[in-house]
Amino acid sequence: MKLSPKEVVCDCGHSQMLDRSKLMCTKCGKYVFYNPRDKRKHKINKAYTVILIAAAMGFVAYIFIEMIVDPLLG
């Protein structure tokens, strides 16, 4: 969805004109957001995804230890 053009400054100091909700900075490669609320939602979603992946890997490791390693050593 096209928005009215707005100049936004990235964390690295590079400024660009945005007419979308988010765009990658051409200098550092991080996302630049039109609305600060979208930036906060992006951080929360990213943290949520990392936590879910870590929990899934922990669960797989637990199952591996309980089902395979423990009977071999016990």
PDB file of N, CA and C in Angstrom:
ATOM      1  N   MET A   1       0.838  -1.164   0.000  1.00  0.00           N
ATOM      2  CA  MET A   1       0.000   0.000   0.000  1.00  0.00           C
ATOM      3  C   MET A   1       0.893   1.241   0.000  1.00  0.00           C
ATOM      4  N   LYS A   2       0.645   2.133  -0.908  1.00  0.00           N
ATOM      5  CA  LYS A   2       1.431   3.361  -1.019  1.00  0.00           C
ATOM      6  C   LYS A   2       0.986   4.368   0.026  1.00  0.00           C
ATOM      7  N   LEU A   3       1.956   4.958   0.676  1.00  0.00           N
ATOM      8  CA  LEU A   3       1.719   6.007   1.659  1.00  0.00           C
ATOM      9  C   LEU A   3       2.308   7.301   1.128  1.00  0.00           C
ATOM     10  N   SER A   4       2.006   8.394   1.782  1.00  0.00           N
ATOM     11  CA  SER A   4       2.608   9.652   1.350  1.00  0.00           C
ATOM     12  C   SER A   4       4.104   9.601   1.657  1.00  0.00           C
ATOM     13  N   PRO A   5       4.942  10.083   0.752  1.00  0.00           N
ATOM     14  CA  PRO A   5       6.396  10.004   0.959  1.00  0.00           C
ATOM     15  C   PRO A   5       6.834  10.725   2.231  1.00  0.00           C
ATOM     16  N   LYS A   6       7.748  10.068   2.957  1.00  0.00           N
ATOM     17  CA  LYS A   6       8.242  10.601   4.224  1.00  0.00           C
ATOM     18  C   LYS A   6       9.728  10.282   4.309  1.00  0.00           C
ATOM     19  N   GLU A   7      10.531  11.257   4.744  1.00  0.00           N
ATOM     20  CA  GLU A   7      11.962  11.011   4.901  1.00  0.00           C
ATOM     21  C   GLU A   7      12.203  10.417   6.284  1.00  0.00           C
ATOM     22  N   VAL A   8      12.853   9.252   6.300  1.00  0.00           N
ATOM     23  CA  VAL A   8      13.113   8.525   7.536  1.00  0.00           C
ATOM     24  C   VAL A   8      14.609   8.291   7.652  1.00  0.00           C
ATOM     25  N   VAL A   9      15.139   8.435   8.887  1.00  0.00           N
ATOM     26  CA  VAL A   9      16.561   8.233   9.132  1.00  0.00           C
ATOM     27  C   VAL A   9      16.758   6.879   9.803  1.00  0.00           C
ATOM     28  N   CYS A  10      17.665   6.084   9.249  1.00  0.00           N
ATOM     29  CA  CYS A  10      17.989   4.769   9.799  1.00  0.00           C
ATOM     30  C   CYS A  10      18.878   4.941  11.035  1.00  0.00           C
ATOM     31  N   ASP A  11      19.036   3.868  11.805  1.00  0.00           N
ATOM     32  CA  ASP A  11      19.906   3.900  12.984  1.00  0.00           C
ATOM     33  C   ASP A  11      21.362   4.168  12.606  1.00  0.00           C
ATOM     34  N   CYS A  12      21.751   3.800  11.387  1.00  0.00           N
ATOM     35  CA  CYS A  12      23.127   4.011  10.940  1.00  0.00           C
ATOM     36  C   CYS A  12      23.374   5.444  10.472  1.00  0.00           C
ATOM     37  N   GLY A  13      22.308   6.251  10.374  1.00  0.00           N
ATOM     38  CA  GLY A  13      22.456   7.647   9.976  1.00  0.00           C
ATOM     39  C   GLY A  13      22.070   7.934   8.539  1.00  0.00           C
ATOM     40  N   HIS A  14      21.787   6.931   7.763  1.00  0.00           N
ATOM     41  CA  HIS A  14      21.411   7.091   6.362  1.00  0.00           C
ATOM     42  C   HIS A  14      19.937   7.481   6.276  1.00  0.00           C
ATOM     43  N   SER A  15      19.615   8.508   5.499  1.00  0.00           N
ATOM     44  CA  SER A  15      18.218   8.928   5.365  1.00  0.00           C
ATOM     45  C   SER A  15      17.703   8.524   3.991  1.00  0.00           C
ATOM     46  N   GLN A  16      16.426   8.139   3.955  1.00  0.00           N
ATOM     47  CA  GLN A  16      15.781   7.743   2.709  1.00  0.00           C
ATOM     48  C   GLN A  16      14.327   8.172   2.718  1.00  0.00           C
ATOM     49  N   MET A  17      13.758   8.237   1.535  1.00  0.00           N
ATOM     50  CA  MET A  17      12.342   8.559   1.390  1.00  0.00           C
ATOM     51  C   MET A  17      11.559   7.258   1.362  1.00  0.00           C
ATOM     52  N   LEU A  18      10.555   7.155   2.215  1.00  0.00           N
ATOM     53  CA  LEU A  18       9.719   5.963   2.283  1.00  0.00           C
ATOM     54  C   LEU A  18       8.316   6.284   1.802  1.00  0.00           C
ATOM     55  N   ASP A  19       7.752   5.361   1.008  1.00  0.00           N
ATOM     56  CA  ASP A  19       6.353   5.453   0.637  1.00  0.00           C
ATOM     57  C   ASP A  19       5.642   4.123   0.911  1.00  0.00           C
ATOM     58  N   ARG A  20       6.306   3.248   1.667  1.00  0.00           N
ATOM     59  CA  ARG A  20       5.755   1.959   2.094  1.00  0.00           C
ATOM     60  C   ARG A  20       5.891   1.864   3.604  1.00  0.00           C
ATOM     61  N   SER A  21       5.354   0.780   4.194  1.00  0.00           N
ATOM     62  CA  SER A  21       5.417   0.640   5.649  1.00  0.00           C
ATOM     63  C   SER A  21       6.825   0.303   6.131  1.00  0.00           C
ATOM     64  N   LYS A  22       7.608  -0.448   5.335  1.00  0.00           N
ATOM     65  CA  LYS A  22       8.994  -0.730   5.709  1.00  0.00           C
ATOM     66  C   LYS A  22       9.821  -0.950   4.453  1.00  0.00           C
ATOM     67  N   LEU A  23      11.121  -0.704   4.599  1.00  0.00           N
ATOM     68  CA  LEU A  23      12.056  -0.852   3.496  1.00  0.00           C
ATOM     69  C   LEU A  23      13.425  -1.116   4.086  1.00  0.00           C
ATOM     70  N   MET A  24      14.245  -1.881   3.392  1.00  0.00           N
ATOM     71  CA  MET A  24      15.595  -2.149   3.896  1.00  0.00           C
ATOM     72  C   MET A  24      16.506  -0.975   3.576  1.00  0.00           C
ATOM     73  N   CYS A  25      17.329  -0.614   4.544  1.00  0.00           N
ATOM     74  CA  CYS A  25      18.305   0.461   4.360  1.00  0.00           C
ATOM     75  C   CYS A  25      19.341  -0.005   3.343  1.00  0.00           C
ATOM     76  N   THR A  26      19.673   0.856   2.397  1.00  0.00           N
ATOM     77  CA  THR A  26      20.642   0.482   1.371  1.00  0.00           C
ATOM     78  C   THR A  26      22.069   0.504   1.895  1.00  0.00           C
ATOM     79  N   LYS A  27      22.295   1.154   3.028  1.00  0.00           N
ATOM     80  CA  LYS A  27      23.645   1.261   3.582  1.00  0.00           C
ATOM     81  C   LYS A  27      23.974   0.094   4.532  1.00  0.00           C
ATOM     82  N   CYS A  28      23.068  -0.187   5.497  1.00  0.00           N
ATOM     83  CA  CYS A  28      23.383  -1.209   6.505  1.00  0.00           C
ATOM     84  C   CYS A  28      22.562  -2.492   6.348  1.00  0.00           C
ATOM     85  N   GLY A  29      21.454  -2.474   5.619  1.00  0.00           N
ATOM     86  CA  GLY A  29      20.665  -3.679   5.393  1.00  0.00           C
ATOM     87  C   GLY A  29      19.595  -3.951   6.438  1.00  0.00           C
ATOM     88  N   LYS A  30      19.423  -3.062   7.425  1.00  0.00           N
ATOM     89  CA  LYS A  30      18.375  -3.235   8.424  1.00  0.00           C
ATOM     90  C   LYS A  30      17.090  -2.594   7.921  1.00  0.00           C
ATOM     91  N   TYR A  31      15.962  -3.022   8.506  1.00  0.00           N
ATOM     92  CA  TYR A  31      14.687  -2.442   8.107  1.00  0.00           C
ATOM     93  C   TYR A  31      14.524  -1.036   8.662  1.00  0.00           C
ATOM     94  N   VAL A  32      13.940  -0.169   7.845  1.00  0.00           N
ATOM     95  CA  VAL A  32      13.575   1.184   8.235  1.00  0.00           C
ATOM     96  C   VAL A  32      12.055   1.240   8.136  1.00  0.00           C
ATOM     97  N   PHE A  33      11.391   1.744   9.179  1.00  0.00           N
ATOM     98  CA  PHE A  33       9.943   1.714   9.249  1.00  0.00           C
ATOM     99  C   PHE A  33       9.350   3.103   9.116  1.00  0.00           C
ATOM    100  N   TYR A  34       8.199   3.159   8.455  1.00  0.00           N
ATOM    101  CA  TYR A  34       7.465   4.409   8.268  1.00  0.00           C
ATOM    102  C   TYR A  34       6.870   4.860   9.593  1.00  0.00           C
ATOM    103  N   ASN A  35       6.348   3.914  10.365  1.00  0.00           N
ATOM    104  CA  ASN A  35       5.694   4.195  11.632  1.00  0.00           C
ATOM    105  C   ASN A  35       6.519   3.573  12.767  1.00  0.00           C
ATOM    106  N   PRO A  36       6.819   4.305  13.831  1.00  0.00           N
ATOM    107  CA  PRO A  36       7.602   3.727  14.941  1.00  0.00           C
ATOM    108  C   PRO A  36       6.908   2.539  15.612  1.00  0.00           C
ATOM    109  N   ARG A  37       5.591   2.484  15.580  1.00  0.00           N
ATOM    110  CA  ARG A  37       4.853   1.365  16.161  1.00  0.00           C
ATOM    111  C   ARG A  37       5.168   0.071  15.419  1.00  0.00           C
ATOM    112  N   ASP A  38       5.343   0.158  14.098  1.00  0.00           N
ATOM    113  CA  ASP A  38       5.695  -1.024  13.312  1.00  0.00           C
ATOM    114  C   ASP A  38       7.087  -1.534  13.670  1.00  0.00           C
ATOM    115  N   LYS A  39       7.994  -0.641  14.012  1.00  0.00           N
ATOM    116  CA  LYS A  39       9.343  -1.041  14.426  1.00  0.00           C
ATOM    117  C   LYS A  39       9.287  -1.844  15.712  1.00  0.00           C
ATOM    118  N   ARG A  40       8.462  -1.402  16.665  1.00  0.00           N
ATOM    119  CA  ARG A  40       8.306  -2.116  17.930  1.00  0.00           C
ATOM    120  C   ARG A  40       7.673  -3.489  17.700  1.00  0.00           C
ATOM    121  N   LYS A  41       6.671  -3.565  16.834  1.00  0.00           N
ATOM    122  CA  LYS A  41       6.038  -4.856  16.533  1.00  0.00           C
ATOM    123  C   LYS A  41       7.018  -5.804  15.852  1.00  0.00           C
ATOM    124  N   HIS A  42       7.891  -5.270  15.006  1.00  0.00           N
ATOM    125  CA  HIS A  42       8.899  -6.088  14.333  1.00  0.00           C
ATOM    126  C   HIS A  42       9.869  -6.687  15.353  1.00  0.00           C
ATOM    127  N   LYS A  43      10.304  -5.898  16.340  1.00  0.00           N
ATOM    128  CA  LYS A  43      11.208  -6.391  17.380  1.00  0.00           C
ATOM    129  C   LYS A  43      10.546  -7.481  18.215  1.00  0.00           C
ATOM    130  N   ILE A  44       9.274  -7.289  18.562  1.00  0.00           N
ATOM    131  CA  ILE A  44       8.553  -8.287  19.356  1.00  0.00           C
ATOM    132  C   ILE A  44       8.394  -9.576  18.560  1.00  0.00           C
ATOM    133  N   ASN A  45       8.033  -9.481  17.301  1.00  0.00           N
ATOM    134  CA  ASN A  45       7.873 -10.676  16.464  1.00  0.00           C
ATOM    135  C   ASN A  45       9.194 -11.412  16.282  1.00  0.00           C
ATOM    136  N   LYS A  46      10.279 -10.667  16.131  1.00  0.00           N
ATOM    137  CA  LYS A  46      11.596 -11.274  15.974  1.00  0.00           C
ATOM    138  C   LYS A  46      11.998 -12.016  17.249  1.00  0.00           C
ATOM    139  N   ALA A  47      11.773 -11.400  18.407  1.00  0.00           N
ATOM    140  CA  ALA A  47      12.093 -12.044  19.689  1.00  0.00           C
ATOM    141  C   ALA A  47      11.228 -13.284  19.892  1.00  0.00           C
ATOM    142  N   TYR A  48       9.967 -13.201  19.562  1.00  0.00           N
ATOM    143  CA  TYR A  48       9.050 -14.332  19.683  1.00  0.00           C
ATOM    144  C   TYR A  48       9.519 -15.504  18.823  1.00  0.00           C
ATOM    145  N   THR A  49       9.934 -15.226  17.605  1.00  0.00           N
ATOM    146  CA  THR A  49      10.416 -16.271  16.709  1.00  0.00           C
ATOM    147  C   THR A  49      11.678 -16.925  17.250  1.00  0.00           C
ATOM    148  N   VAL A  50      12.610 -16.135  17.757  1.00  0.00           N
ATOM    149  CA  VAL A  50      13.849 -16.679  18.323  1.00  0.00           C
ATOM    150  C   VAL A  50      13.546 -17.559  19.533  1.00  0.00           C
ATOM    151  N   ILE A  51      12.626 -17.120  20.386  1.00  0.00           N
ATOM    152  CA  ILE A  51      12.258 -17.904  21.564  1.00  0.00           C
ATOM    153  C   ILE A  51      11.616 -19.226  21.156  1.00  0.00           C
ATOM    154  N   LEU A  52      10.741 -19.199  20.166  1.00  0.00           N
ATOM    155  CA  LEU A  52      10.101 -20.439  19.709  1.00  0.00           C
ATOM    156  C   LEU A  52      11.116 -21.414  19.120  1.00  0.00           C
ATOM    157  N   ILE A  53      12.055 -20.924  18.336  1.00  0.00           N
ATOM    158  CA  ILE A  53      13.073 -21.795  17.747  1.00  0.00           C
ATOM    159  C   ILE A  53      13.966 -22.380  18.842  1.00  0.00           C
ATOM    160  N   ALA A  54      14.353 -21.570  19.821  1.00  0.00           N
ATOM    161  CA  ALA A  54      15.182 -22.064  20.922  1.00  0.00           C
ATOM    162  C   ALA A  54      14.427 -23.108  21.746  1.00  0.00           C
ATOM    163  N   ALA A  55      13.139 -22.893  21.985  1.00  0.00           N
ATOM    164  CA  ALA A  55      12.337 -23.862  22.737  1.00  0.00           C
ATOM    165  C   ALA A  55      12.209 -25.170  21.965  1.00  0.00           C
ATOM    166  N   ALA A  56      12.010 -25.083  20.655  1.00  0.00           N
ATOM    167  CA  ALA A  56      11.899 -26.294  19.843  1.00  0.00           C
ATOM    168  C   ALA A  56      13.219 -27.068  19.842  1.00  0.00           C
ATOM    169  N   MET A  57      14.339 -26.369  19.728  1.00  0.00           N
ATOM    170  CA  MET A  57      15.642 -27.047  19.749  1.00  0.00           C
ATOM    171  C   MET A  57      15.904 -27.659  21.126  1.00  0.00           C
ATOM    172  N   GLY A  58      15.512 -26.985  22.187  1.00  0.00           N
ATOM    173  CA  GLY A  58      15.656 -27.529  23.533  1.00  0.00           C
ATOM    174  C   GLY A  58      14.811 -28.776  23.726  1.00  0.00           C
ATOM    175  N   PHE A  59      13.596 -28.757  23.187  1.00  0.00           N
ATOM    176  CA  PHE A  59      12.727 -29.925  23.284  1.00  0.00           C
ATOM    177  C   PHE A  59      13.312 -31.108  22.525  1.00  0.00           C
ATOM    178  N   VAL A  60      13.835 -30.867  21.340  1.00  0.00           N
ATOM    179  CA  VAL A  60      14.461 -31.940  20.555  1.00  0.00           C
ATOM    180  C   VAL A  60      15.678 -32.491  21.282  1.00  0.00           C
ATOM    181  N   ALA A  61      16.479 -31.630  21.882  1.00  0.00           N
ATOM    182  CA  ALA A  61      17.647 -32.089  22.646  1.00  0.00           C
ATOM    183  C   ALA A  61      17.214 -32.919  23.848  1.00  0.00           C
ATOM    184  N   TYR A  62      16.161 -32.490  24.538  1.00  0.00           N
ATOM    185  CA  TYR A  62      15.648 -33.235  25.693  1.00  0.00           C
ATOM    186  C   TYR A  62      15.171 -34.626  25.264  1.00  0.00           C
ATOM    187  N   ILE A  63      14.410 -34.687  24.188  1.00  0.00           N
ATOM    188  CA  ILE A  63      13.918 -35.984  23.683  1.00  0.00           C
ATOM    189  C   ILE A  63      15.101 -36.866  23.287  1.00  0.00           C
ATOM    190  N   PHE A  64      16.101 -36.301  22.637  1.00  0.00           N
ATOM    191  CA  PHE A  64      17.273 -37.075  22.240  1.00  0.00           C
ATOM    192  C   PHE A  64      17.968 -37.664  23.464  1.00  0.00           C
ATOM    193  N   ILE A  65      18.137 -36.868  24.491  1.00  0.00           N
ATOM    194  CA  ILE A  65      18.820 -37.357  25.701  1.00  0.00           C
ATOM    195  C   ILE A  65      17.980 -38.416  26.400  1.00  0.00           C
ATOM    196  N   GLU A  66      16.684 -38.187  26.521  1.00  0.00           N
ATOM    197  CA  GLU A  66      15.825 -39.147  27.233  1.00  0.00           C
ATOM    198  C   GLU A  66      15.631 -40.443  26.466  1.00  0.00           C
ATOM    199  N   MET A  67      15.486 -40.372  25.152  1.00  0.00           N
ATOM    200  CA  MET A  67      15.132 -41.562  24.363  1.00  0.00           C
ATOM    201  C   MET A  67      16.351 -42.335  23.849  1.00  0.00           C
ATOM    202  N   ILE A  68      17.471 -41.679  23.632  1.00  0.00           N
ATOM    203  CA  ILE A  68      18.601 -42.356  22.995  1.00  0.00           C
ATOM    204  C   ILE A  68      19.800 -42.466  23.947  1.00  0.00           C
ATOM    205  N   VAL A  69      20.227 -41.368  24.518  1.00  0.00           N
ATOM    206  CA  VAL A  69      21.442 -41.374  25.323  1.00  0.00           C
ATOM    207  C   VAL A  69      21.244 -42.087  26.651  1.00  0.00           C
ATOM    208  N   ASP A  70      20.157 -41.807  27.334  1.00  0.00           N
ATOM    209  CA  ASP A  70      19.907 -42.400  28.650  1.00  0.00           C
ATOM    210  C   ASP A  70      19.828 -43.928  28.601  1.00  0.00           C
ATOM    211  N   PRO A  71      19.119 -44.559  27.663  1.00  0.00           N
ATOM    212  CA  PRO A  71      19.122 -46.029  27.611  1.00  0.00           C
ATOM    213  C   PRO A  71      20.493 -46.616  27.276  1.00  0.00           C
ATOM    214  N   LEU A  72      21.293 -45.901  26.488  1.00  0.00           N
ATOM    215  CA  LEU A  72      22.620 -46.422  26.140  1.00  0.00           C
ATOM    216  C   LEU A  72      23.564 -46.403  27.342  1.00  0.00           C
ATOM    217  N   LEU A  73      23.423 -45.370  28.163  1.00  0.00           N
ATOM    218  CA  LEU A  73      24.317 -45.248  29.321  1.00  0.00           C
ATOM    219  C   LEU A  73      23.768 -45.971  30.558  1.00  0.00           C
ATOM    220  N   GLY A  74      22.472 -46.191  30.600  1.00  0.00           N
ATOM    221  CA  GLY A  74      21.857 -46.765  31.789  1.00  0.00           C
ATOM    222  C   GLY A  74      21.716 -48.209  31.729  1.00  0.00           C
TER     223      GLY A  74
END
